[in-house]
Amino acid sequence: EQVGRVRGRGRKGWLPAFRDAMLFKTAYAFGLRRNEARMLDVVDFSRNPRGPEFGEYGVLYVRHGKAKKGSPPKRRSVLTVFDWSAEILQQWNEEVRPLFPTAKSGALWPSERSPRVGFTQMNTRFCTHRDSLGLDKGLDFHSFRRSYVTHLIEDGWDARFVQEQVGHEHASTTSIYTCVSSDFRTRTLRRTLDATMEAALRPVRTAR
């Protein structure tokens, strides 16, 4: 229904704007780094027998985690913890992603011209959305990851579980993330998660 509303507006650029919203929400929902999010493929999700309510999106397999110097990318599995994340991913894969001409590539986040959204393009679009909303310039893509850690800890999740979710080798690294709860970035981040979708839903101005 929401996809139909966005398409019905006839707003130019709605497709990449929708992708951006889904990408940002997914980065937050799984506590991902920029390259981890960018390099996701459709096949990187599977069921979690202990979380059947998430359907095909119970587990995310991160194949391009942060590597140590001279080592290959570190892999990890991230369990789904938010109900809404499975819902938006299903909507994205079934209703919106197939509309991209490059969707057959298998990349979760295609662009209109390339099989996978570019690293620079992803950063530029994040900054564009942030600045257009008048948000603090201290917000960066990594803020999604920081907020994920902070919100899970604040909601009572075990610190060891959170550490494994985000792939931190040392607990001290995770504890640093939890210190930003009162920071402006954390308090305003959730506004950015829906802002791009709201922009796509606004009526198109007609020339007078």
C-alpha atoms as a PDB file:
ATOM      1  CA  GLU A   1       0.000   0.000   0.000  1.00  0.00           C
ATOM      2  CA  GLN A   2       2.763   2.430   0.935  1.00  0.00           C
ATOM      3  CA  VAL A   3       4.676   1.616  -2.239  1.00  0.00           C
ATOM      4  CA  GLY A   4       1.542   2.270  -4.260  1.00  0.00           C
ATOM      5  CA  ARG A   5       1.096   5.652  -2.591  1.00  0.00           C
ATOM      6  CA  VAL A   6       4.659   6.664  -3.371  1.00  0.00           C
ATOM      7  CA  ARG A   7       4.443   5.546  -6.996  1.00  0.00           C
ATOM      8  CA  GLY A   8       1.052   7.185  -7.380  1.00  0.00           C
ATOM      9  CA  ARG A   9       2.526  10.575  -6.520  1.00  0.00           C
ATOM     10  CA  GLY A  10       4.552  10.429  -9.712  1.00  0.00           C
ATOM     11  CA  ARG A  11       7.409  12.099  -7.889  1.00  0.00           C
ATOM     12  CA  LYS A  12      10.655  12.090  -9.835  1.00  0.00           C
ATOM     13  CA  GLY A  13      13.386  10.128  -8.116  1.00  0.00           C
ATOM     14  CA  TRP A  14      11.048   8.224  -5.825  1.00  0.00           C
ATOM     15  CA  LEU A  15      12.728   4.885  -6.571  1.00  0.00           C
ATOM     16  CA  PRO A  16      16.250   5.760  -5.368  1.00  0.00           C
ATOM     17  CA  ALA A  17      14.707   7.716  -2.475  1.00  0.00           C
ATOM     18  CA  PHE A  18      12.797   4.608  -1.434  1.00  0.00           C
ATOM     19  CA  ARG A  19      15.995   2.571  -1.710  1.00  0.00           C
ATOM     20  CA  ASP A  20      17.847   5.064   0.469  1.00  0.00           C
ATOM     21  CA  ALA A  21      15.174   4.827   3.159  1.00  0.00           C
ATOM     22  CA  MET A  22      15.324   1.027   3.144  1.00  0.00           C
ATOM     23  CA  LEU A  23      19.133   1.007   3.163  1.00  0.00           C
ATOM     24  CA  PHE A  24      19.319   3.404   6.112  1.00  0.00           C
ATOM     25  CA  LYS A  25      16.709   1.469   8.076  1.00  0.00           C
ATOM     26  CA  THR A  26      18.514  -1.817   7.413  1.00  0.00           C
ATOM     27  CA  ALA A  27      21.853  -0.360   8.511  1.00  0.00           C
ATOM     28  CA  TYR A  28      20.223   0.674  11.784  1.00  0.00           C
ATOM     29  CA  ALA A  29      18.206  -2.537  12.200  1.00  0.00           C
ATOM     30  CA  PHE A  30      21.343  -4.712  12.083  1.00  0.00           C
ATOM     31  CA  GLY A  31      24.019  -2.300  13.323  1.00  0.00           C
ATOM     32  CA  LEU A  32      25.969  -2.330  10.064  1.00  0.00           C
ATOM     33  CA  ARG A  33      29.046  -0.468   8.934  1.00  0.00           C
ATOM     34  CA  ARG A  34      28.845   1.358   5.599  1.00  0.00           C
ATOM     35  CA  ASN A  35      30.568  -1.256   3.480  1.00  0.00           C
ATOM     36  CA  GLU A  36      28.765  -4.090   5.257  1.00  0.00           C
ATOM     37  CA  ALA A  37      25.455  -2.536   4.262  1.00  0.00           C
ATOM     38  CA  ARG A  38      26.535  -1.695   0.721  1.00  0.00           C
ATOM     39  CA  MET A  39      27.825  -5.187  -0.046  1.00  0.00           C
ATOM     40  CA  LEU A  40      24.698  -7.061   1.017  1.00  0.00           C
ATOM     41  CA  ASP A  41      23.117  -9.459  -1.458  1.00  0.00           C
ATOM     42  CA  VAL A  42      19.552 -10.745  -1.499  1.00  0.00           C
ATOM     43  CA  VAL A  43      20.781 -14.231  -0.541  1.00  0.00           C
ATOM     44  CA  ASP A  44      22.410 -12.993   2.675  1.00  0.00           C
ATOM     45  CA  PHE A  45      19.217 -13.544   4.685  1.00  0.00           C
ATOM     46  CA  SER A  46      17.746 -16.788   5.982  1.00  0.00           C
ATOM     47  CA  ARG A  47      15.317 -18.170   8.533  1.00  0.00           C
ATOM     48  CA  ASN A  48      16.034 -18.411  12.235  1.00  0.00           C
ATOM     49  CA  PRO A  49      14.410 -21.545  13.730  1.00  0.00           C
ATOM     50  CA  ARG A  50      14.176 -19.725  17.063  1.00  0.00           C
ATOM     51  CA  GLY A  51      12.608 -16.664  15.482  1.00  0.00           C
ATOM     52  CA  PRO A  52       9.992 -17.984  13.032  1.00  0.00           C
ATOM     53  CA  GLU A  53       8.045 -14.734  13.240  1.00  0.00           C
ATOM     54  CA  PHE A  54      10.708 -13.087  11.075  1.00  0.00           C
ATOM     55  CA  GLY A  55      10.140 -15.462   8.172  1.00  0.00           C
ATOM     56  CA  GLU A  56      12.924 -15.425   5.583  1.00  0.00           C
ATOM     57  CA  TYR A  57      14.673 -12.564   7.374  1.00  0.00           C
ATOM     58  CA  GLY A  58      15.541 -14.072  10.745  1.00  0.00           C
ATOM     59  CA  VAL A  59      19.307 -13.994  10.245  1.00  0.00           C
ATOM     60  CA  LEU A  60      21.595 -11.720   8.244  1.00  0.00           C
ATOM     61  CA  TYR A  61      24.956 -13.075   7.130  1.00  0.00           C
ATOM     62  CA  VAL A  62      27.500 -10.279   6.897  1.00  0.00           C
ATOM     63  CA  ARG A  63      30.194 -11.315   4.414  1.00  0.00           C
ATOM     64  CA  HIS A  64      32.173  -8.096   4.266  1.00  0.00           C
ATOM     65  CA  GLY A  65      32.869  -7.223   7.867  1.00  0.00           C
ATOM     66  CA  LYS A  66      35.802  -5.095   8.963  1.00  0.00           C
ATOM     67  CA  ALA A  67      39.025  -7.009   8.358  1.00  0.00           C
ATOM     68  CA  LYS A  68      42.258  -6.949  10.287  1.00  0.00           C
ATOM     69  CA  LYS A  69      45.293  -5.737   8.385  1.00  0.00           C
ATOM     70  CA  GLY A  70      46.356  -8.372   5.878  1.00  0.00           C
ATOM     71  CA  SER A  71      43.307 -10.557   6.551  1.00  0.00           C
ATOM     72  CA  PRO A  72      40.177 -11.252   4.492  1.00  0.00           C
ATOM     73  CA  PRO A  73      36.852  -9.623   5.422  1.00  0.00           C
ATOM     74  CA  LYS A  74      35.483 -10.885   8.710  1.00  0.00           C
ATOM     75  CA  ARG A  75      32.161 -12.699   8.512  1.00  0.00           C
ATOM     76  CA  ARG A  76      29.437 -12.875  11.131  1.00  0.00           C
ATOM     77  CA  SER A  77      25.752 -13.644  11.513  1.00  0.00           C
ATOM     78  CA  VAL A  78      23.388 -11.025  12.936  1.00  0.00           C
ATOM     79  CA  LEU A  79      20.054 -12.071  14.411  1.00  0.00           C
ATOM     80  CA  THR A  80      16.991  -9.991  13.619  1.00  0.00           C
ATOM     81  CA  VAL A  81      15.649  -8.241  16.722  1.00  0.00           C
ATOM     82  CA  PHE A  82      13.137  -5.708  15.346  1.00  0.00           C
ATOM     83  CA  ASP A  83       9.797  -6.904  13.943  1.00  0.00           C
ATOM     84  CA  TRP A  84       9.600  -4.047  11.463  1.00  0.00           C
ATOM     85  CA  SER A  85      12.944  -4.885   9.858  1.00  0.00           C
ATOM     86  CA  ALA A  86      11.676  -8.171   8.427  1.00  0.00           C
ATOM     87  CA  GLU A  87       8.562  -6.416   7.131  1.00  0.00           C
ATOM     88  CA  ILE A  88      10.419  -3.671   5.276  1.00  0.00           C
ATOM     89  CA  LEU A  89      12.921  -6.113   3.771  1.00  0.00           C
ATOM     90  CA  GLN A  90      10.146  -8.311   2.452  1.00  0.00           C
ATOM     91  CA  GLN A  91       8.415  -5.277   0.969  1.00  0.00           C
ATOM     92  CA  TRP A  92      11.661  -4.071  -0.578  1.00  0.00           C
ATOM     93  CA  ASN A  93      12.564  -7.392  -2.179  1.00  0.00           C
ATOM     94  CA  GLU A  94       9.089  -8.232  -3.419  1.00  0.00           C
ATOM     95  CA  GLU A  95       7.662  -4.875  -4.474  1.00  0.00           C
ATOM     96  CA  VAL A  96      10.356  -2.270  -5.042  1.00  0.00           C
ATOM     97  CA  ARG A  97      13.767  -3.743  -5.771  1.00  0.00           C
ATOM     98  CA  PRO A  98      12.527  -5.598  -8.914  1.00  0.00           C
ATOM     99  CA  LEU A  99      11.671  -2.191 -10.425  1.00  0.00           C
ATOM    100  CA  PHE A 100      15.364  -1.346 -10.822  1.00  0.00           C
ATOM    101  CA  PRO A 101      16.680  -2.229 -14.296  1.00  0.00           C
ATOM    102  CA  THR A 102      19.809  -3.687 -12.670  1.00  0.00           C
ATOM    103  CA  ALA A 103      17.943  -5.821 -10.104  1.00  0.00           C
ATOM    104  CA  LYS A 104      19.014  -9.134 -11.653  1.00  0.00           C
ATOM    105  CA  SER A 105      22.527  -8.624 -10.307  1.00  0.00           C
ATOM    106  CA  GLY A 106      21.588 -10.036  -6.911  1.00  0.00           C
ATOM    107  CA  ALA A 107      22.855  -7.008  -4.976  1.00  0.00           C
ATOM    108  CA  LEU A 108      20.393  -5.912  -2.300  1.00  0.00           C
ATOM    109  CA  TRP A 109      20.869  -2.219  -3.108  1.00  0.00           C
ATOM    110  CA  PRO A 110      21.099  -1.649  -6.880  1.00  0.00           C
ATOM    111  CA  SER A 111      21.249   1.772  -8.450  1.00  0.00           C
ATOM    112  CA  GLU A 112      19.451   2.852 -11.588  1.00  0.00           C
ATOM    113  CA  ARG A 113      22.618   2.438 -13.654  1.00  0.00           C
ATOM    114  CA  SER A 114      24.836   0.005 -11.743  1.00  0.00           C
ATOM    115  CA  PRO A 115      24.319  -3.443 -10.213  1.00  0.00           C
ATOM    116  CA  ARG A 116      25.236  -2.074  -6.781  1.00  0.00           C
ATOM    117  CA  VAL A 117      25.020   1.402  -5.281  1.00  0.00           C
ATOM    118  CA  GLY A 118      28.466   2.984  -5.131  1.00  0.00           C
ATOM    119  CA  PHE A 119      30.281   3.780  -1.909  1.00  0.00           C
ATOM    120  CA  THR A 120      30.672   7.448  -2.783  1.00  0.00           C
ATOM    121  CA  GLN A 121      27.088   7.653  -4.021  1.00  0.00           C
ATOM    122  CA  MET A 122      25.803   6.159  -0.784  1.00  0.00           C
ATOM    123  CA  ASN A 123      27.722   8.664   1.333  1.00  0.00           C
ATOM    124  CA  THR A 124      26.679  11.587  -0.840  1.00  0.00           C
ATOM    125  CA  ARG A 125      23.010  10.668  -0.681  1.00  0.00           C
ATOM    126  CA  PHE A 126      23.141  10.259   3.094  1.00  0.00           C
ATOM    127  CA  CYS A 127      24.647  13.730   3.470  1.00  0.00           C
ATOM    128  CA  THR A 128      22.103  15.168   1.047  1.00  0.00           C
ATOM    129  CA  HIS A 129      19.167  13.760   3.028  1.00  0.00           C
ATOM    130  CA  ARG A 130      20.722  14.861   6.321  1.00  0.00           C
ATOM    131  CA  ASP A 131      21.385  18.405   5.155  1.00  0.00           C
ATOM    132  CA  SER A 132      18.011  18.814   3.448  1.00  0.00           C
ATOM    133  CA  LEU A 133      16.347  17.973   6.762  1.00  0.00           C
ATOM    134  CA  GLY A 134      18.481  20.473   8.625  1.00  0.00           C
ATOM    135  CA  LEU A 135      20.023  17.823  10.860  1.00  0.00           C
ATOM    136  CA  ASP A 136      23.311  18.213  12.668  1.00  0.00           C
ATOM    137  CA  LYS A 137      26.322  17.677  10.405  1.00  0.00           C
ATOM    138  CA  GLY A 138      27.824  15.480  13.113  1.00  0.00           C
ATOM    139  CA  LEU A 139      25.448  12.749  11.981  1.00  0.00           C
ATOM    140  CA  ASP A 140      27.187  10.277   9.717  1.00  0.00           C
ATOM    141  CA  PHE A 141      26.389   6.819   8.397  1.00  0.00           C
ATOM    142  CA  HIS A 142      28.120   5.232  11.379  1.00  0.00           C
ATOM    143  CA  SER A 143      25.545   6.912  13.619  1.00  0.00           C
ATOM    144  CA  PHE A 144      23.124   4.136  12.675  1.00  0.00           C
ATOM    145  CA  ARG A 145      25.518   1.582  14.145  1.00  0.00           C
ATOM    146  CA  ARG A 146      26.192   3.603  17.283  1.00  0.00           C
ATOM    147  CA  SER A 147      22.485   4.071  17.887  1.00  0.00           C
ATOM    148  CA  TYR A 148      21.780   0.374  17.330  1.00  0.00           C
ATOM    149  CA  VAL A 149      24.213  -0.540  20.107  1.00  0.00           C
ATOM    150  CA  THR A 150      22.930   2.162  22.432  1.00  0.00           C
ATOM    151  CA  HIS A 151      19.261   1.338  21.951  1.00  0.00           C
ATOM    152  CA  LEU A 152      19.756  -2.404  22.477  1.00  0.00           C
ATOM    153  CA  ILE A 153      21.687  -1.820  25.699  1.00  0.00           C
ATOM    154  CA  GLU A 154      19.077   0.670  26.911  1.00  0.00           C
ATOM    155  CA  ASP A 155      16.318  -1.822  26.103  1.00  0.00           C
ATOM    156  CA  GLY A 156      17.953  -4.445  28.312  1.00  0.00           C
ATOM    157  CA  TRP A 157      19.742  -6.704  25.834  1.00  0.00           C
ATOM    158  CA  ASP A 158      22.770  -8.542  27.203  1.00  0.00           C
ATOM    159  CA  ALA A 159      26.006  -6.667  26.489  1.00  0.00           C
ATOM    160  CA  ARG A 160      27.738  -9.821  25.242  1.00  0.00           C
ATOM    161  CA  PHE A 161      24.928 -10.456  22.777  1.00  0.00           C
ATOM    162  CA  VAL A 162      25.174  -6.895  21.468  1.00  0.00           C
ATOM    163  CA  GLN A 163      28.943  -7.224  21.134  1.00  0.00           C
ATOM    164  CA  GLU A 164      28.563 -10.353  18.995  1.00  0.00           C
ATOM    165  CA  GLN A 165      25.807  -8.769  16.922  1.00  0.00           C
ATOM    166  CA  VAL A 166      28.038  -5.908  15.802  1.00  0.00           C
ATOM    167  CA  GLY A 167      31.219  -7.955  15.533  1.00  0.00           C
ATOM    168  CA  HIS A 168      33.304  -6.181  18.141  1.00  0.00           C
ATOM    169  CA  GLU A 169      36.313  -8.214  19.220  1.00  0.00           C
ATOM    170  CA  HIS A 170      36.565  -6.430  22.551  1.00  0.00           C
ATOM    171  CA  ALA A 171      33.771  -5.537  24.959  1.00  0.00           C
ATOM    172  CA  SER A 172      35.466  -2.206  25.614  1.00  0.00           C
ATOM    173  CA  THR A 173      34.703  -1.123  22.048  1.00  0.00           C
ATOM    174  CA  THR A 174      31.002  -1.816  22.530  1.00  0.00           C
ATOM    175  CA  SER A 175      30.975   0.041  25.847  1.00  0.00           C
ATOM    176  CA  ILE A 176      32.306   3.169  24.128  1.00  0.00           C
ATOM    177  CA  TYR A 177      29.290   3.148  21.825  1.00  0.00           C
ATOM    178  CA  THR A 178      26.871   3.138  24.758  1.00  0.00           C
ATOM    179  CA  CYS A 179      28.242   6.447  26.026  1.00  0.00           C
ATOM    180  CA  VAL A 180      26.589   8.471  23.255  1.00  0.00           C
ATOM    181  CA  SER A 181      23.005   8.080  24.477  1.00  0.00           C
ATOM    182  CA  SER A 182      22.656  11.734  25.454  1.00  0.00           C
ATOM    183  CA  ASP A 183      24.444  12.936  22.351  1.00  0.00           C
ATOM    184  CA  PHE A 184      22.462  14.934  19.812  1.00  0.00           C
ATOM    185  CA  ARG A 185      23.217  12.392  17.097  1.00  0.00           C
ATOM    186  CA  THR A 186      21.441   9.632  18.991  1.00  0.00           C
ATOM    187  CA  ARG A 187      18.478  11.780  19.979  1.00  0.00           C
ATOM    188  CA  THR A 188      17.846  12.889  16.397  1.00  0.00           C
ATOM    189  CA  LEU A 189      18.801   9.789  14.423  1.00  0.00           C
ATOM    190  CA  ARG A 190      15.349   8.237  14.327  1.00  0.00           C
ATOM    191  CA  ARG A 191      14.058  11.284  12.503  1.00  0.00           C
ATOM    192  CA  THR A 192      16.295  10.408   9.558  1.00  0.00           C
ATOM    193  CA  LEU A 193      14.999   6.851   9.258  1.00  0.00           C
ATOM    194  CA  ASP A 194      11.579   7.900   7.971  1.00  0.00           C
ATOM    195  CA  ALA A 195      12.438  11.298   6.554  1.00  0.00           C
ATOM    196  CA  THR A 196      13.336  10.126   3.055  1.00  0.00           C
ATOM    197  CA  MET A 197      10.082   8.193   2.842  1.00  0.00           C
ATOM    198  CA  GLU A 198       8.100  11.209   4.000  1.00  0.00           C
ATOM    199  CA  ALA A 199       9.787  13.313   1.335  1.00  0.00           C
ATOM    200  CA  ALA A 200       8.769  10.836  -1.341  1.00  0.00           C
ATOM    201  CA  LEU A 201       5.173  10.988  -0.127  1.00  0.00           C
ATOM    202  CA  ARG A 202       4.888  14.756  -0.390  1.00  0.00           C
ATOM    203  CA  PRO A 203       2.725  15.977  -3.267  1.00  0.00           C
ATOM    204  CA  VAL A 204       4.619  17.091  -6.335  1.00  0.00           C
ATOM    205  CA  ARG A 205       4.432  20.843  -6.868  1.00  0.00           C
ATOM    206  CA  THR A 206       2.865  21.770 -10.154  1.00  0.00           C
ATOM    207  CA  ALA A 207       4.008  24.769 -12.143  1.00  0.00           C
ATOM    208  CA  ARG A 208       1.666  27.747 -12.114  1.00  0.00           C
END
